[in-house]
Protein backbone atom coordinates (compact mmCIF):
# COMPACT_ATOMS: atom_id res chain seq x y z
CA MET A 1 80.37 19.13 14.28
CA THR A 2 77.51 16.77 13.49
CA PRO A 3 74.97 18.83 11.50
CA TRP A 4 71.98 17.93 13.67
CA ILE A 5 73.70 19.17 16.84
CA ILE A 6 73.09 22.90 17.23
CA LEU A 7 75.82 24.41 19.38
CA ASP A 8 76.29 28.07 20.25
CA HIS A 9 79.47 28.70 22.20
CA GLY A 10 79.40 31.18 25.05
CA ASN A 11 81.99 32.06 27.66
CA ALA A 12 79.80 32.49 30.73
CA PRO A 13 79.82 29.65 33.29
CA LEU A 14 76.43 28.40 32.09
CA ILE A 15 75.37 25.68 29.66
CA ILE A 16 71.76 25.38 28.50
CA SER A 17 71.17 21.80 27.37
CA ILE A 18 67.98 21.28 25.34
CA PRO A 19 67.74 17.55 24.57
CA HIS A 20 64.09 17.21 23.56
CA ALA A 21 63.16 20.08 21.23
CA GLY A 22 64.15 18.12 18.11
CA THR A 23 61.55 16.79 15.68
CA GLU A 24 63.67 15.28 12.89
CA ILE A 25 63.16 11.59 12.14
CA PRO A 26 65.86 10.18 9.83
CA PHE A 27 64.68 8.27 6.77
CA ASP A 28 66.13 4.99 8.06
CA ILE A 29 63.95 4.88 11.19
CA LYS A 30 61.47 2.19 10.23
CA GLY A 31 58.22 0.85 11.64
CA LEU A 32 56.74 4.01 13.15
CA ARG A 33 52.97 4.16 13.02
CA SER A 34 52.96 7.90 12.36
CA ALA A 35 55.58 10.63 12.09
CA ASN A 36 53.18 13.05 13.76
CA LEU A 37 52.68 10.67 16.67
CA ALA A 38 56.46 10.23 16.93
CA ARG A 39 56.86 14.01 17.29
CA HIS A 40 53.97 14.45 19.72
CA ASP A 41 56.04 14.48 22.93
CA ALA A 42 58.71 16.94 21.81
CA ASP A 43 59.56 19.82 24.13
CA TRP A 44 57.97 22.15 21.60
CA HIS A 45 59.66 25.55 21.10
CA VAL A 46 61.96 25.24 24.14
CA ASP A 47 64.93 26.21 21.98
CA LYS A 48 63.05 29.38 20.97
CA LEU A 49 62.02 30.03 24.57
CA TYR A 50 65.64 30.05 25.79
CA ALA A 51 67.19 31.76 22.74
CA PHE A 52 67.76 34.89 24.84
CA ALA A 53 70.33 32.98 26.93
CA LYS A 54 72.90 33.39 24.15
CA ASP A 55 72.91 37.14 24.83
CA MET A 56 73.76 36.33 28.45
CA GLY A 57 76.91 34.52 27.31
CA ALA A 58 75.49 31.05 27.87
CA THR A 59 76.51 28.07 25.78
CA CYS A 60 73.41 26.47 24.24
CA ILE A 61 73.31 22.94 22.87
CA THR A 62 70.39 21.08 21.38
CA THR A 63 69.71 18.20 19.02
CA ALA A 64 67.41 18.32 16.01
CA ILE A 65 66.75 14.57 16.33
CA SER A 66 63.41 13.55 17.83
CA ARG A 67 63.45 11.91 21.25
CA THR A 68 61.45 9.07 19.68
CA VAL A 69 64.54 8.13 17.65
CA ILE A 70 66.64 8.08 20.81
CA ASP A 71 66.32 9.98 24.04
CA VAL A 72 69.64 11.60 24.91
CA ASN A 73 68.36 12.24 28.45
CA ARG A 74 68.05 8.57 29.33
CA ASP A 75 70.63 6.17 30.72
CA PRO A 76 72.39 4.69 27.66
CA SER A 77 72.24 1.25 29.26
CA GLY A 78 68.46 1.40 29.07
CA VAL A 79 67.97 1.28 32.86
CA SER A 80 64.85 3.18 33.94
CA LEU A 81 65.41 6.53 35.63
CA TYR A 82 62.12 6.19 37.50
CA PRO A 83 61.70 2.54 38.56
CA GLY A 84 58.11 1.66 39.29
CA GLN A 85 56.73 4.75 37.55
CA ALA A 86 55.42 5.22 34.04
CA THR A 87 58.12 6.69 31.84
CA THR A 88 59.62 6.38 28.38
CA GLY A 89 62.89 4.65 27.62
CA LEU A 90 66.07 5.14 25.63
CA CYS A 91 64.27 4.35 22.37
CA PRO A 92 60.65 4.96 23.38
CA GLU A 93 58.06 2.45 22.27
CA THR A 94 55.05 4.45 23.48
CA THR A 95 54.03 8.09 23.81
CA PHE A 96 53.56 9.73 27.22
CA ASP A 97 49.90 8.73 26.92
CA GLY A 98 50.81 5.09 26.43
CA GLU A 99 50.03 4.93 22.71
CA PRO A 100 52.28 2.54 20.76
CA LEU A 101 54.72 4.34 18.48
CA TYR A 102 55.50 1.28 16.33
CA GLY A 103 53.46 -1.24 14.43
CA ASP A 104 53.21 -4.82 15.67
CA GLY A 105 56.63 -6.47 15.66
CA GLU A 106 58.32 -3.24 14.50
CA THR A 107 59.89 -1.99 17.77
CA PRO A 108 63.67 -1.48 17.59
CA ASP A 109 65.69 -4.54 18.54
CA ALA A 110 69.01 -4.50 20.43
CA ASP A 111 71.07 -3.99 17.27
CA GLU A 112 68.92 -1.06 16.17
CA VAL A 113 69.13 0.54 19.61
CA ALA A 114 72.92 0.17 19.53
CA ARG A 115 73.04 1.75 16.06
CA ARG A 116 71.01 4.75 17.18
CA ARG A 117 73.12 5.10 20.31
CA GLU A 118 76.29 5.34 18.25
CA LEU A 119 74.82 7.70 15.66
CA TYR A 120 72.81 10.08 17.82
CA PHE A 121 73.29 9.57 21.56
CA TYR A 122 77.05 9.56 21.97
CA PRO A 123 77.76 12.49 19.61
CA TYR A 124 75.45 14.72 21.64
CA HIS A 125 77.18 13.77 24.86
CA ARG A 126 80.65 14.12 23.42
CA ALA A 127 79.71 17.66 22.42
CA LEU A 128 78.16 18.44 25.80
CA ALA A 129 81.08 16.94 27.72
CA ALA A 130 83.53 18.98 25.64
CA GLU A 131 81.69 22.19 26.53
CA VAL A 132 81.68 21.26 30.22
CA ALA A 133 85.45 20.68 30.08
CA ARG A 134 86.06 23.89 28.10
CA LEU A 135 84.19 26.11 30.54
CA ARG A 136 85.66 24.44 33.62
CA MET A 137 89.08 25.43 32.32
CA SER A 138 88.21 29.09 32.83
CA HIS A 139 85.67 29.00 35.68
CA SER A 140 85.90 27.55 39.17
CA ALA A 141 82.30 26.39 38.89
CA ILE A 142 79.68 26.14 36.15
CA VAL A 143 75.97 25.36 35.89
CA VAL A 144 74.59 22.79 33.45
CA TYR A 145 70.94 23.80 33.13
CA ASP A 146 68.88 21.10 31.45
CA ALA A 147 65.84 22.73 29.86
CA HIS A 148 62.57 20.85 29.31
CA SER A 149 58.83 21.29 28.99
CA ILE A 150 55.80 19.04 28.99
CA ARG A 151 52.04 19.30 28.68
CA SER A 152 50.34 20.56 31.83
CA HIS A 153 48.15 17.45 31.99
CA VAL A 154 49.54 13.98 31.30
CA PRO A 155 47.45 11.57 33.40
CA ASN A 156 49.64 8.59 32.51
CA LEU A 157 52.64 10.31 34.13
CA PHE A 158 51.25 12.46 36.94
CA ASP A 159 47.99 13.45 38.61
CA GLY A 160 46.28 16.79 38.09
CA GLU A 161 47.93 19.89 36.68
CA LEU A 162 51.71 20.17 36.73
CA PRO A 163 53.16 23.22 38.52
CA GLN A 164 54.61 25.84 36.17
CA PHE A 165 58.18 25.26 37.39
CA ASN A 166 59.52 21.79 38.25
CA ILE A 167 63.09 21.80 39.51
CA GLY A 168 65.16 18.62 39.58
CA SER A 169 68.47 18.18 41.35
CA TYR A 170 68.29 14.43 41.84
CA ASN A 171 67.41 14.89 45.50
CA GLU A 172 70.07 17.58 46.02
CA THR A 173 72.98 15.48 44.73
CA SER A 174 73.54 16.96 41.25
CA CYS A 175 74.13 20.52 42.47
CA ALA A 176 74.67 22.43 45.69
CA PRO A 177 71.42 22.74 47.67
CA ALA A 178 72.01 26.49 47.69
CA LEU A 179 71.65 26.57 43.90
CA THR A 180 68.35 24.69 44.07
CA ALA A 181 67.11 27.18 46.64
CA THR A 182 68.32 30.12 44.55
CA VAL A 183 66.54 28.87 41.43
CA ALA A 184 63.35 28.14 43.38
CA ALA A 185 63.37 31.66 44.82
CA ALA A 186 63.73 33.10 41.32
CA CYS A 187 60.57 31.23 40.25
CA SER A 188 58.43 33.10 42.77
CA PRO A 189 55.48 33.72 42.83
CA HIS A 190 54.70 30.94 40.33
CA ALA A 191 53.74 27.43 41.39
CA THR A 192 57.02 25.56 41.90
CA VAL A 193 58.04 22.11 43.10
CA ILE A 194 61.51 20.73 43.87
CA ASN A 195 62.34 17.08 43.16
CA GLY A 196 58.73 16.11 42.64
CA ARG A 197 57.68 13.99 39.68
CA PHE A 198 60.73 15.20 37.75
CA LYS A 199 63.93 14.82 39.74
CA GLY A 200 66.34 15.21 36.83
CA GLY A 201 67.12 12.92 33.94
CA TRP A 202 70.36 11.28 32.91
CA ILE A 203 72.01 14.57 31.93
CA THR A 204 71.45 16.05 35.36
CA ARG A 205 72.51 12.88 37.13
CA HIS A 206 75.50 12.12 34.88
CA TYR A 207 77.09 15.57 34.69
CA GLY A 208 76.26 16.84 38.14
CA ASN A 209 79.42 16.91 40.27
CA PRO A 210 79.12 19.77 42.74
CA ASP A 211 82.35 18.84 44.52
CA GLY A 212 84.06 19.13 41.13
CA GLY A 213 82.50 22.50 40.35
CA ILE A 214 79.79 21.21 38.00
CA HIS A 215 76.29 22.01 39.23
CA ALA A 216 73.62 20.32 37.10
CA ILE A 217 69.96 21.20 37.49
CA GLN A 218 66.87 20.36 35.45
CA MET A 219 63.94 22.67 34.79
CA GLU A 220 60.73 21.08 33.55
CA LEU A 221 58.22 23.74 32.52
CA ALA A 222 54.50 23.24 32.10
CA MET A 223 53.88 24.19 28.46
CA ARG A 224 50.90 26.39 29.27
CA GLY A 225 53.35 29.14 30.20
CA TYR A 226 54.32 29.80 26.60
CA VAL A 227 52.12 27.87 24.14
CA ASP A 228 48.45 27.33 23.47
CA GLU A 229 47.68 23.86 24.86
CA SER A 230 44.53 23.51 22.78
CA PRO A 231 43.54 20.22 21.12
CA ILE A 232 45.39 21.37 18.00
CA TRP A 233 48.85 19.81 18.01
CA PRO A 234 51.67 20.67 17.67
CA PRO A 235 51.04 23.64 19.93
CA LEU A 236 51.31 27.19 18.70
CA TRP A 237 53.82 29.62 20.18
CA ASP A 238 52.05 32.23 22.30
CA SER A 239 54.27 35.32 22.09
CA SER A 240 52.53 37.29 24.85
CA HIS A 241 52.61 34.46 27.38
CA ALA A 242 56.14 33.51 26.35
CA ALA A 243 57.40 37.05 26.92
CA VAL A 244 56.13 36.97 30.50
CA LEU A 245 57.65 33.56 31.14
CA GLN A 246 60.97 34.61 29.58
CA LYS A 247 61.28 37.42 32.13
CA THR A 248 61.17 34.86 34.92
CA LEU A 249 63.53 32.55 33.05
CA HIS A 250 65.97 35.45 32.62
CA THR A 251 65.84 35.97 36.39
CA ILE A 252 66.43 32.25 36.93
CA LEU A 253 69.45 32.13 34.64
CA THR A 254 70.83 35.33 36.17
CA SER A 255 70.54 33.69 39.58
CA CYS A 256 72.52 30.70 38.25
CA LEU A 257 75.29 32.98 37.00
CA THR A 258 75.37 34.91 40.27
CA PHE A 259 75.59 31.67 42.20
CA VAL A 260 78.56 30.24 40.34
CA LYS A 261 80.42 33.57 40.19
CA ASP A 262 80.16 33.82 43.96
CA PHE A 263 80.81 30.10 44.49
CA ILE A 264 84.06 29.16 46.13
């Protein structure tokens, strides 16, 4: 296994994919204006937030590599997942706030993007695909739960304050609508939206195959639920708030397991 892929094998019909918690920037990534700026948009502490899922028998997979190096939740061809909307690409050139990540003339060219794709993108997806295949061998249906978080306020991406729970099922195509409804019910009474600004990234869209027993769903959390979103960055883990949020997340993941165990 590639050392920067962190994989914990479970036997329950549930995979927790965490593609954006990584902050490592390999030494050969050149031209960045600032390492701190390159790490700014990480899904901070999401791996810690969902660590309890291992005790539920879930398989958990994450990458230590920063999304600035390459975003493993983007289409590898480079096609935008949200045409016409502000977003970041396969090898992001700006932060969520629109700040340039690279110096003038230093953005990765096609050869560099291809190199990063081979080194960091495809290994993550080979590992994830192998876990999907392994669990489908012993379960009639599984859930691929793609776990994310983002700052509550990112004016360049969305207006106002983001709801605490943002569920994406690519407009009800990546999983059975009943699973979306089940997850949304488990979020109650917190502010929740389904297929709003975040409809599901490439992982949700690529792996979701409900007719084939693979139900992929994305959860984008507003960070305020578990960290201190003060001007100090990176944000600090807030254990008391996180404990409350983890109770709801445990209910959500339990609802996923109940769904697939009852799914025929």
